[in-house]
């Protein structure tokens, strides 16, 4: 790892654990690529976190237990596919985190306390459904996360 200049009275802690927020959309790619590159460079553990939003599935699916279970299974399958890609790229320790709720709230109040990453990487903006943007969730994470946050753009 490259040596970083420090100023008197300050220090930079090494990144040992990176968490990246991934979504069931193609816009996940940039954040995931950045997280994999950082994990390889810094020999860090990588946790991929996916949060199923209420808006990820229709009302009809939410009301049908079997369809909702299928939606969860599909998202978990995609999460594990991303984990396989990270391992194939050379990251030795890859874990996953899956939950349901609003992404910002879940990442800040559930995922980070449980996973304890040094760095969280999230994408700047994605579209879920026709008109939703993830930007407000990212703003929430940047404001309230107790760890360093990198926003991939």
N, C-alpha and C. Protein backbone atom coordinates (compact mmCIF):
# COMPACT_ATOMS: atom_id res chain seq x y z
N UNK A 1 0.85 -1.17 0.00
CA UNK A 1 0.00 0.00 0.00
C UNK A 1 0.90 1.24 0.00
N UNK A 2 0.51 2.22 -0.80
CA UNK A 2 1.29 3.46 -0.91
C UNK A 2 1.24 4.22 0.41
N UNK A 3 2.34 4.90 0.71
CA UNK A 3 2.41 5.69 1.92
C UNK A 3 1.68 7.02 1.70
N UNK A 4 0.88 7.42 2.66
CA UNK A 4 0.11 8.64 2.58
C UNK A 4 0.72 9.69 3.50
N UNK A 5 0.87 10.90 2.98
CA UNK A 5 1.42 11.99 3.80
C UNK A 5 0.43 12.32 4.91
N UNK A 6 0.95 12.58 6.10
CA UNK A 6 0.09 12.98 7.20
C UNK A 6 0.56 14.31 7.74
N UNK A 7 -0.32 14.97 8.42
CA UNK A 7 -0.01 16.24 9.04
C UNK A 7 0.14 16.02 10.54
N UNK A 8 0.93 16.85 11.21
CA UNK A 8 1.11 16.67 12.66
C UNK A 8 -0.24 16.58 13.39
N UNK A 9 -0.36 15.60 14.23
CA UNK A 9 -1.58 15.44 15.01
C UNK A 9 -2.69 14.71 14.29
N UNK A 10 -2.44 14.25 13.06
CA UNK A 10 -3.46 13.53 12.31
C UNK A 10 -2.94 12.17 11.89
N UNK A 11 -3.84 11.27 11.58
CA UNK A 11 -3.44 9.98 11.04
C UNK A 11 -4.59 9.45 10.18
N UNK A 12 -4.24 8.65 9.21
CA UNK A 12 -5.23 8.03 8.34
C UNK A 12 -5.19 6.54 8.62
N UNK A 13 -6.33 6.00 9.00
CA UNK A 13 -6.41 4.58 9.30
C UNK A 13 -6.52 3.80 8.00
N UNK A 14 -5.87 2.65 7.92
CA UNK A 14 -5.98 1.83 6.71
C UNK A 14 -7.40 1.30 6.55
N UNK A 15 -7.80 1.08 5.32
CA UNK A 15 -9.12 0.51 5.02
C UNK A 15 -8.97 -1.00 5.03
N UNK A 16 -9.64 -1.64 5.97
CA UNK A 16 -9.58 -3.10 6.10
C UNK A 16 -10.88 -3.77 5.66
N UNK A 17 -11.97 -3.01 5.69
CA UNK A 17 -13.28 -3.58 5.34
C UNK A 17 -14.06 -2.55 4.55
N UNK A 18 -14.45 -2.92 3.33
CA UNK A 18 -15.21 -2.06 2.45
C UNK A 18 -16.59 -2.66 2.26
N UNK A 19 -17.61 -1.81 2.34
CA UNK A 19 -18.96 -2.24 2.02
C UNK A 19 -19.42 -1.43 0.82
N UNK A 20 -20.04 -2.08 -0.14
CA UNK A 20 -20.56 -1.40 -1.32
C UNK A 20 -22.04 -1.70 -1.45
N UNK A 21 -22.82 -0.65 -1.67
CA UNK A 21 -24.24 -0.82 -1.90
C UNK A 21 -24.48 -1.20 -3.35
N UNK A 22 -25.11 -2.33 -3.56
CA UNK A 22 -25.45 -2.77 -4.91
C UNK A 22 -26.96 -2.85 -5.03
N UNK A 23 -27.44 -2.66 -6.23
CA UNK A 23 -28.88 -2.65 -6.48
C UNK A 23 -29.21 -3.59 -7.62
N UNK A 24 -30.48 -3.89 -7.79
CA UNK A 24 -30.86 -4.77 -8.90
C UNK A 24 -30.95 -4.01 -10.22
N UNK A 25 -29.99 -3.12 -10.47
CA UNK A 25 -29.94 -2.36 -11.72
C UNK A 25 -28.51 -2.34 -12.24
N UNK A 26 -28.34 -1.98 -13.48
CA UNK A 26 -27.01 -1.95 -14.08
C UNK A 26 -26.15 -0.81 -13.56
N UNK A 27 -26.72 0.18 -12.92
CA UNK A 27 -25.94 1.31 -12.43
C UNK A 27 -25.05 0.94 -11.25
N UNK A 28 -25.22 -0.25 -10.74
CA UNK A 28 -24.38 -0.77 -9.65
C UNK A 28 -22.93 -0.93 -10.11
N UNK A 29 -22.72 -1.12 -11.36
CA UNK A 29 -21.41 -1.51 -11.87
C UNK A 29 -20.27 -0.60 -11.46
N UNK A 30 -20.42 0.70 -11.57
CA UNK A 30 -19.32 1.61 -11.25
C UNK A 30 -18.91 1.50 -9.78
N UNK A 31 -19.87 1.53 -8.88
CA UNK A 31 -19.56 1.40 -7.45
C UNK A 31 -18.91 0.06 -7.14
N UNK A 32 -19.42 -1.00 -7.77
CA UNK A 32 -18.86 -2.33 -7.54
C UNK A 32 -17.43 -2.41 -8.08
N UNK A 33 -17.19 -1.85 -9.26
CA UNK A 33 -15.83 -1.85 -9.81
C UNK A 33 -14.87 -1.08 -8.91
N UNK A 34 -15.30 0.06 -8.42
CA UNK A 34 -14.47 0.85 -7.52
C UNK A 34 -14.18 0.09 -6.23
N UNK A 35 -15.20 -0.56 -5.68
CA UNK A 35 -15.03 -1.32 -4.43
C UNK A 35 -14.08 -2.49 -4.64
N UNK A 36 -14.21 -3.19 -5.74
CA UNK A 36 -13.32 -4.33 -6.02
C UNK A 36 -11.89 -3.83 -6.17
N UNK A 37 -11.70 -2.74 -6.91
CA UNK A 37 -10.35 -2.19 -7.09
C UNK A 37 -9.74 -1.79 -5.76
N UNK A 38 -10.51 -1.12 -4.91
CA UNK A 38 -9.98 -0.71 -3.60
C UNK A 38 -9.68 -1.94 -2.73
N UNK A 39 -10.58 -2.93 -2.75
CA UNK A 39 -10.37 -4.14 -1.94
C UNK A 39 -9.10 -4.86 -2.38
N UNK A 40 -8.86 -4.92 -3.68
CA UNK A 40 -7.64 -5.57 -4.19
C UNK A 40 -6.40 -4.78 -3.81
N UNK A 41 -6.45 -3.48 -3.98
CA UNK A 41 -5.30 -2.62 -3.69
C UNK A 41 -4.95 -2.64 -2.21
N UNK A 42 -5.97 -2.64 -1.36
CA UNK A 42 -5.74 -2.51 0.08
C UNK A 42 -5.88 -3.84 0.83
N UNK A 43 -6.06 -4.93 0.09
CA UNK A 43 -6.21 -6.27 0.69
C UNK A 43 -7.30 -6.25 1.75
N UNK A 44 -8.43 -5.65 1.39
CA UNK A 44 -9.54 -5.47 2.33
C UNK A 44 -10.63 -6.52 2.10
N UNK A 45 -11.38 -6.77 3.15
CA UNK A 45 -12.59 -7.57 3.06
C UNK A 45 -13.63 -6.73 2.32
N UNK A 46 -14.45 -7.37 1.51
CA UNK A 46 -15.49 -6.68 0.76
C UNK A 46 -16.85 -7.26 1.11
N UNK A 47 -17.77 -6.39 1.51
CA UNK A 47 -19.15 -6.80 1.76
C UNK A 47 -20.04 -6.11 0.75
N UNK A 48 -20.84 -6.88 0.06
CA UNK A 48 -21.81 -6.34 -0.88
C UNK A 48 -23.16 -6.28 -0.18
N UNK A 49 -23.76 -5.10 -0.15
CA UNK A 49 -25.02 -4.90 0.55
C UNK A 49 -26.12 -4.57 -0.46
N UNK A 50 -27.20 -5.31 -0.40
CA UNK A 50 -28.36 -5.05 -1.26
C UNK A 50 -29.59 -4.87 -0.39
N UNK A 51 -30.35 -3.83 -0.68
CA UNK A 51 -31.56 -3.54 0.08
C UNK A 51 -32.75 -3.57 -0.88
N UNK A 52 -33.72 -4.40 -0.57
CA UNK A 52 -34.93 -4.46 -1.38
C UNK A 52 -35.90 -3.39 -0.90
N UNK A 53 -36.12 -2.39 -1.74
CA UNK A 53 -37.03 -1.31 -1.40
C UNK A 53 -38.47 -1.75 -1.60
N UNK A 54 -39.40 -1.13 -0.87
CA UNK A 54 -40.81 -1.42 -1.13
C UNK A 54 -41.19 -1.16 -2.59
N UNK A 55 -40.50 -0.21 -3.23
CA UNK A 55 -40.82 0.16 -4.61
C UNK A 55 -40.18 -0.78 -5.63
N UNK A 56 -39.34 -1.71 -5.18
CA UNK A 56 -38.71 -2.67 -6.09
C UNK A 56 -39.72 -3.68 -6.62
N UNK A 57 -40.82 -3.85 -5.91
CA UNK A 57 -41.83 -4.82 -6.32
C UNK A 57 -43.20 -4.14 -6.31
N UNK A 58 -44.08 -4.64 -7.16
CA UNK A 58 -45.41 -4.04 -7.26
C UNK A 58 -46.26 -4.38 -6.03
N UNK A 59 -47.33 -3.67 -5.87
CA UNK A 59 -48.27 -3.93 -4.78
C UNK A 59 -48.80 -5.36 -4.89
N UNK A 60 -49.07 -5.78 -6.11
CA UNK A 60 -49.56 -7.13 -6.34
C UNK A 60 -48.57 -8.17 -5.80
N UNK A 61 -47.29 -7.98 -6.08
CA UNK A 61 -46.26 -8.91 -5.61
C UNK A 61 -46.16 -8.86 -4.09
N UNK A 62 -46.22 -7.65 -3.52
CA UNK A 62 -46.12 -7.53 -2.06
C UNK A 62 -47.26 -8.22 -1.34
N UNK A 63 -48.39 -8.31 -1.99
CA UNK A 63 -49.56 -8.94 -1.36
C UNK A 63 -49.59 -10.45 -1.55
N UNK A 64 -48.72 -10.99 -2.37
CA UNK A 64 -48.67 -12.42 -2.64
C UNK A 64 -47.38 -12.98 -2.08
N UNK A 65 -47.47 -13.78 -1.03
CA UNK A 65 -46.29 -14.30 -0.33
C UNK A 65 -45.36 -15.07 -1.25
N UNK A 66 -45.92 -15.89 -2.13
CA UNK A 66 -45.08 -16.68 -3.03
C UNK A 66 -44.32 -15.78 -4.00
N UNK A 67 -44.99 -14.80 -4.57
CA UNK A 67 -44.33 -13.89 -5.50
C UNK A 67 -43.28 -13.03 -4.79
N UNK A 68 -43.58 -12.61 -3.57
CA UNK A 68 -42.63 -11.82 -2.81
C UNK A 68 -41.38 -12.64 -2.48
N UNK A 69 -41.58 -13.90 -2.13
CA UNK A 69 -40.43 -14.79 -1.88
C UNK A 69 -39.59 -14.97 -3.14
N UNK A 70 -40.26 -15.07 -4.30
CA UNK A 70 -39.52 -15.19 -5.57
C UNK A 70 -38.72 -13.93 -5.85
N UNK A 71 -39.30 -12.78 -5.56
CA UNK A 71 -38.58 -11.51 -5.77
C UNK A 71 -37.36 -11.45 -4.87
N UNK A 72 -37.51 -11.83 -3.61
CA UNK A 72 -36.37 -11.87 -2.68
C UNK A 72 -35.29 -12.83 -3.18
N UNK A 73 -35.71 -14.00 -3.61
CA UNK A 73 -34.77 -15.01 -4.10
C UNK A 73 -34.01 -14.48 -5.32
N UNK A 74 -34.71 -13.81 -6.21
CA UNK A 74 -34.06 -13.24 -7.39
C UNK A 74 -33.03 -12.19 -7.03
N UNK A 75 -33.36 -11.34 -6.07
CA UNK A 75 -32.41 -10.30 -5.65
C UNK A 75 -31.22 -10.92 -4.95
N UNK A 76 -31.45 -11.92 -4.12
CA UNK A 76 -30.33 -12.59 -3.45
C UNK A 76 -29.44 -13.30 -4.45
N UNK A 77 -30.05 -13.87 -5.48
CA UNK A 77 -29.27 -14.53 -6.54
C UNK A 77 -28.36 -13.51 -7.23
N UNK A 78 -28.89 -12.34 -7.55
CA UNK A 78 -28.08 -11.30 -8.18
C UNK A 78 -26.96 -10.85 -7.24
N UNK A 79 -27.27 -10.72 -5.95
CA UNK A 79 -26.26 -10.33 -4.97
C UNK A 79 -25.12 -11.36 -4.95
N UNK A 80 -25.45 -12.63 -4.96
CA UNK A 80 -24.42 -13.67 -4.95
C UNK A 80 -23.66 -13.73 -6.27
N UNK A 81 -24.32 -13.35 -7.36
CA UNK A 81 -23.63 -13.25 -8.65
C UNK A 81 -22.57 -12.17 -8.58
N UNK A 82 -22.91 -11.02 -8.01
CA UNK A 82 -21.92 -9.94 -7.83
C UNK A 82 -20.76 -10.41 -6.95
N UNK A 83 -21.07 -11.16 -5.91
CA UNK A 83 -20.03 -11.67 -5.01
C UNK A 83 -19.09 -12.62 -5.77
N UNK A 84 -19.65 -13.47 -6.62
CA UNK A 84 -18.81 -14.36 -7.42
C UNK A 84 -17.90 -13.56 -8.35
N UNK A 85 -18.43 -12.49 -8.94
CA UNK A 85 -17.62 -11.64 -9.82
C UNK A 85 -16.45 -11.01 -9.05
N UNK A 86 -16.72 -10.57 -7.82
CA UNK A 86 -15.65 -9.96 -7.00
C UNK A 86 -14.58 -11.00 -6.67
N UNK A 87 -15.01 -12.22 -6.34
CA UNK A 87 -14.03 -13.28 -6.06
C UNK A 87 -13.23 -13.62 -7.31
N UNK A 88 -13.91 -13.68 -8.45
CA UNK A 88 -13.23 -13.98 -9.71
C UNK A 88 -12.20 -12.91 -10.04
N UNK A 89 -12.47 -11.66 -9.64
CA UNK A 89 -11.53 -10.56 -9.87
C UNK A 89 -10.32 -10.64 -8.94
N UNK A 90 -10.42 -11.47 -7.89
CA UNK A 90 -9.27 -11.65 -7.01
C UNK A 90 -9.48 -11.24 -5.56
N UNK A 91 -10.64 -10.71 -5.22
CA UNK A 91 -10.90 -10.35 -3.81
C UNK A 91 -11.06 -11.65 -3.03
N UNK A 92 -10.26 -11.83 -2.00
CA UNK A 92 -10.25 -13.11 -1.30
C UNK A 92 -11.39 -13.27 -0.30
N UNK A 93 -11.77 -12.20 0.38
CA UNK A 93 -12.83 -12.31 1.38
C UNK A 93 -14.00 -11.43 0.96
N UNK A 94 -15.09 -12.08 0.55
CA UNK A 94 -16.29 -11.39 0.10
C UNK A 94 -17.47 -11.92 0.89
N UNK A 95 -18.25 -11.01 1.49
CA UNK A 95 -19.46 -11.39 2.21
C UNK A 95 -20.63 -10.60 1.63
N UNK A 96 -21.84 -10.99 2.01
CA UNK A 96 -23.02 -10.29 1.52
C UNK A 96 -23.92 -9.89 2.69
N UNK A 97 -24.73 -8.86 2.42
CA UNK A 97 -25.72 -8.39 3.38
C UNK A 97 -26.98 -8.10 2.58
N UNK A 98 -28.11 -8.66 3.00
CA UNK A 98 -29.39 -8.44 2.31
C UNK A 98 -30.43 -8.04 3.35
N UNK A 99 -31.19 -7.00 3.04
CA UNK A 99 -32.26 -6.57 3.94
C UNK A 99 -33.35 -5.90 3.11
N UNK A 100 -34.44 -5.56 3.79
CA UNK A 100 -35.55 -4.88 3.13
C UNK A 100 -35.84 -3.57 3.84
N UNK A 101 -36.23 -2.56 3.08
CA UNK A 101 -36.57 -1.26 3.63
C UNK A 101 -36.06 -0.15 2.74
N UNK A 102 -35.98 1.04 3.28
CA UNK A 102 -35.43 2.17 2.53
C UNK A 102 -33.90 2.09 2.60
N UNK A 103 -33.23 2.12 1.47
CA UNK A 103 -31.79 1.85 1.44
C UNK A 103 -30.96 2.72 2.38
N UNK A 104 -31.19 4.01 2.40
CA UNK A 104 -30.39 4.88 3.27
C UNK A 104 -30.53 4.48 4.72
N UNK A 105 -31.74 4.31 5.16
CA UNK A 105 -32.02 3.94 6.55
C UNK A 105 -31.41 2.57 6.88
N UNK A 106 -31.59 1.61 6.01
CA UNK A 106 -31.07 0.26 6.28
C UNK A 106 -29.54 0.26 6.30
N UNK A 107 -28.92 0.96 5.35
CA UNK A 107 -27.45 0.98 5.34
C UNK A 107 -26.89 1.63 6.61
N UNK A 108 -27.46 2.77 6.99
CA UNK A 108 -26.94 3.51 8.15
C UNK A 108 -27.27 2.82 9.47
N UNK A 109 -28.49 2.33 9.61
CA UNK A 109 -28.93 1.83 10.92
C UNK A 109 -28.86 0.32 11.12
N UNK A 110 -28.69 -0.44 10.03
CA UNK A 110 -28.58 -1.88 10.17
C UNK A 110 -27.26 -2.42 9.63
N UNK A 111 -26.98 -2.12 8.37
CA UNK A 111 -25.81 -2.72 7.72
C UNK A 111 -24.50 -2.25 8.34
N UNK A 112 -24.33 -0.95 8.47
CA UNK A 112 -23.06 -0.44 9.01
C UNK A 112 -22.81 -0.92 10.44
N UNK A 113 -23.80 -0.85 11.34
CA UNK A 113 -23.53 -1.36 12.70
C UNK A 113 -23.21 -2.86 12.72
N UNK A 114 -23.82 -3.63 11.82
CA UNK A 114 -23.57 -5.07 11.80
C UNK A 114 -22.26 -5.40 11.11
N UNK A 115 -21.98 -4.79 9.97
CA UNK A 115 -20.80 -5.12 9.16
C UNK A 115 -19.54 -4.41 9.67
N UNK A 116 -19.71 -3.20 10.17
CA UNK A 116 -18.60 -2.38 10.68
C UNK A 116 -17.52 -2.10 9.62
N UNK A 117 -17.92 -1.54 8.46
CA UNK A 117 -16.92 -1.22 7.44
C UNK A 117 -16.14 0.04 7.79
N UNK A 118 -14.94 0.15 7.23
CA UNK A 118 -14.16 1.38 7.34
C UNK A 118 -14.59 2.35 6.25
N UNK A 119 -15.11 1.81 5.15
CA UNK A 119 -15.47 2.60 3.98
C UNK A 119 -16.74 2.03 3.37
N UNK A 120 -17.66 2.92 3.03
CA UNK A 120 -18.89 2.55 2.32
C UNK A 120 -18.84 3.22 0.96
N UNK A 121 -19.09 2.45 -0.10
CA UNK A 121 -19.15 2.99 -1.45
C UNK A 121 -20.57 2.82 -1.95
N UNK A 122 -21.15 3.92 -2.44
CA UNK A 122 -22.50 3.90 -2.99
C UNK A 122 -22.50 4.61 -4.34
N UNK A 123 -23.47 4.27 -5.17
CA UNK A 123 -23.61 4.93 -6.46
C UNK A 123 -24.31 6.27 -6.30
N UNK A 124 -23.99 7.22 -7.18
CA UNK A 124 -24.53 8.57 -7.07
C UNK A 124 -26.03 8.62 -7.31
N UNK A 125 -26.50 7.92 -8.30
CA UNK A 125 -27.91 8.00 -8.63
C UNK A 125 -28.30 6.81 -9.48
N UNK A 126 -29.45 6.25 -9.20
CA UNK A 126 -29.99 5.21 -10.06
C UNK A 126 -31.47 5.43 -10.17
N UNK A 127 -32.05 4.81 -11.13
CA UNK A 127 -33.50 4.91 -11.30
C UNK A 127 -34.10 3.57 -10.93
N UNK A 128 -35.08 3.60 -10.08
CA UNK A 128 -35.83 2.41 -9.71
C UNK A 128 -37.26 2.69 -10.16
N UNK A 129 -37.78 1.87 -11.03
CA UNK A 129 -39.09 2.16 -11.58
C UNK A 129 -38.96 3.27 -12.61
N UNK A 130 -40.04 3.91 -12.90
CA UNK A 130 -40.05 4.89 -13.98
C UNK A 130 -39.43 6.23 -13.59
N UNK A 131 -39.68 6.71 -12.38
CA UNK A 131 -39.28 8.08 -12.05
C UNK A 131 -38.51 8.24 -10.75
N UNK A 132 -38.16 7.14 -10.07
CA UNK A 132 -37.49 7.28 -8.79
C UNK A 132 -35.99 7.47 -8.96
N UNK A 133 -35.42 8.25 -8.08
CA UNK A 133 -33.97 8.43 -8.07
C UNK A 133 -33.44 8.03 -6.70
N UNK A 134 -32.27 7.43 -6.69
CA UNK A 134 -31.65 6.98 -5.46
C UNK A 134 -30.92 8.12 -4.77
N UNK A 135 -30.84 9.29 -5.41
CA UNK A 135 -30.04 10.39 -4.90
C UNK A 135 -30.37 10.81 -3.48
N UNK A 136 -31.65 10.85 -3.11
CA UNK A 136 -31.99 11.26 -1.76
C UNK A 136 -31.52 10.23 -0.73
N UNK A 137 -31.50 8.96 -1.11
CA UNK A 137 -31.01 7.92 -0.22
C UNK A 137 -29.50 8.07 -0.02
N UNK A 138 -28.79 8.39 -1.10
CA UNK A 138 -27.35 8.61 -1.01
C UNK A 138 -27.05 9.81 -0.12
N UNK A 139 -27.82 10.87 -0.28
CA UNK A 139 -27.62 12.05 0.56
C UNK A 139 -27.81 11.70 2.03
N UNK A 140 -28.80 10.87 2.34
CA UNK A 140 -29.03 10.43 3.71
C UNK A 140 -27.82 9.65 4.24
N UNK A 141 -27.31 8.73 3.42
CA UNK A 141 -26.16 7.92 3.82
C UNK A 141 -24.95 8.81 4.08
N UNK A 142 -24.68 9.73 3.15
CA UNK A 142 -23.51 10.61 3.31
C UNK A 142 -23.63 11.43 4.59
N UNK A 143 -24.83 11.87 4.88
CA UNK A 143 -25.02 12.71 6.07
C UNK A 143 -24.91 11.94 7.38
N UNK A 144 -25.44 10.73 7.42
CA UNK A 144 -25.57 10.04 8.71
C UNK A 144 -24.65 8.84 8.91
N UNK A 145 -23.96 8.37 7.90
CA UNK A 145 -23.09 7.20 8.07
C UNK A 145 -21.94 7.52 9.01
N UNK A 146 -21.64 6.62 9.95
CA UNK A 146 -20.55 6.85 10.90
C UNK A 146 -19.17 6.46 10.35
N UNK A 147 -19.11 6.09 9.06
CA UNK A 147 -17.83 5.75 8.44
C UNK A 147 -17.63 6.62 7.20
N UNK A 148 -16.46 6.53 6.62
CA UNK A 148 -16.17 7.27 5.40
C UNK A 148 -17.05 6.74 4.27
N UNK A 149 -17.59 7.65 3.46
CA UNK A 149 -18.45 7.28 2.34
C UNK A 149 -17.85 7.83 1.05
N UNK A 150 -17.75 6.98 0.06
CA UNK A 150 -17.35 7.39 -1.27
C UNK A 150 -18.55 7.24 -2.18
N UNK A 151 -18.84 8.28 -2.95
CA UNK A 151 -19.96 8.24 -3.88
C UNK A 151 -19.38 8.05 -5.28
N UNK A 152 -19.71 6.94 -5.90
CA UNK A 152 -19.22 6.65 -7.26
C UNK A 152 -20.12 7.35 -8.27
N UNK A 153 -19.49 8.00 -9.21
CA UNK A 153 -20.25 8.73 -10.24
C UNK A 153 -19.74 8.35 -11.60
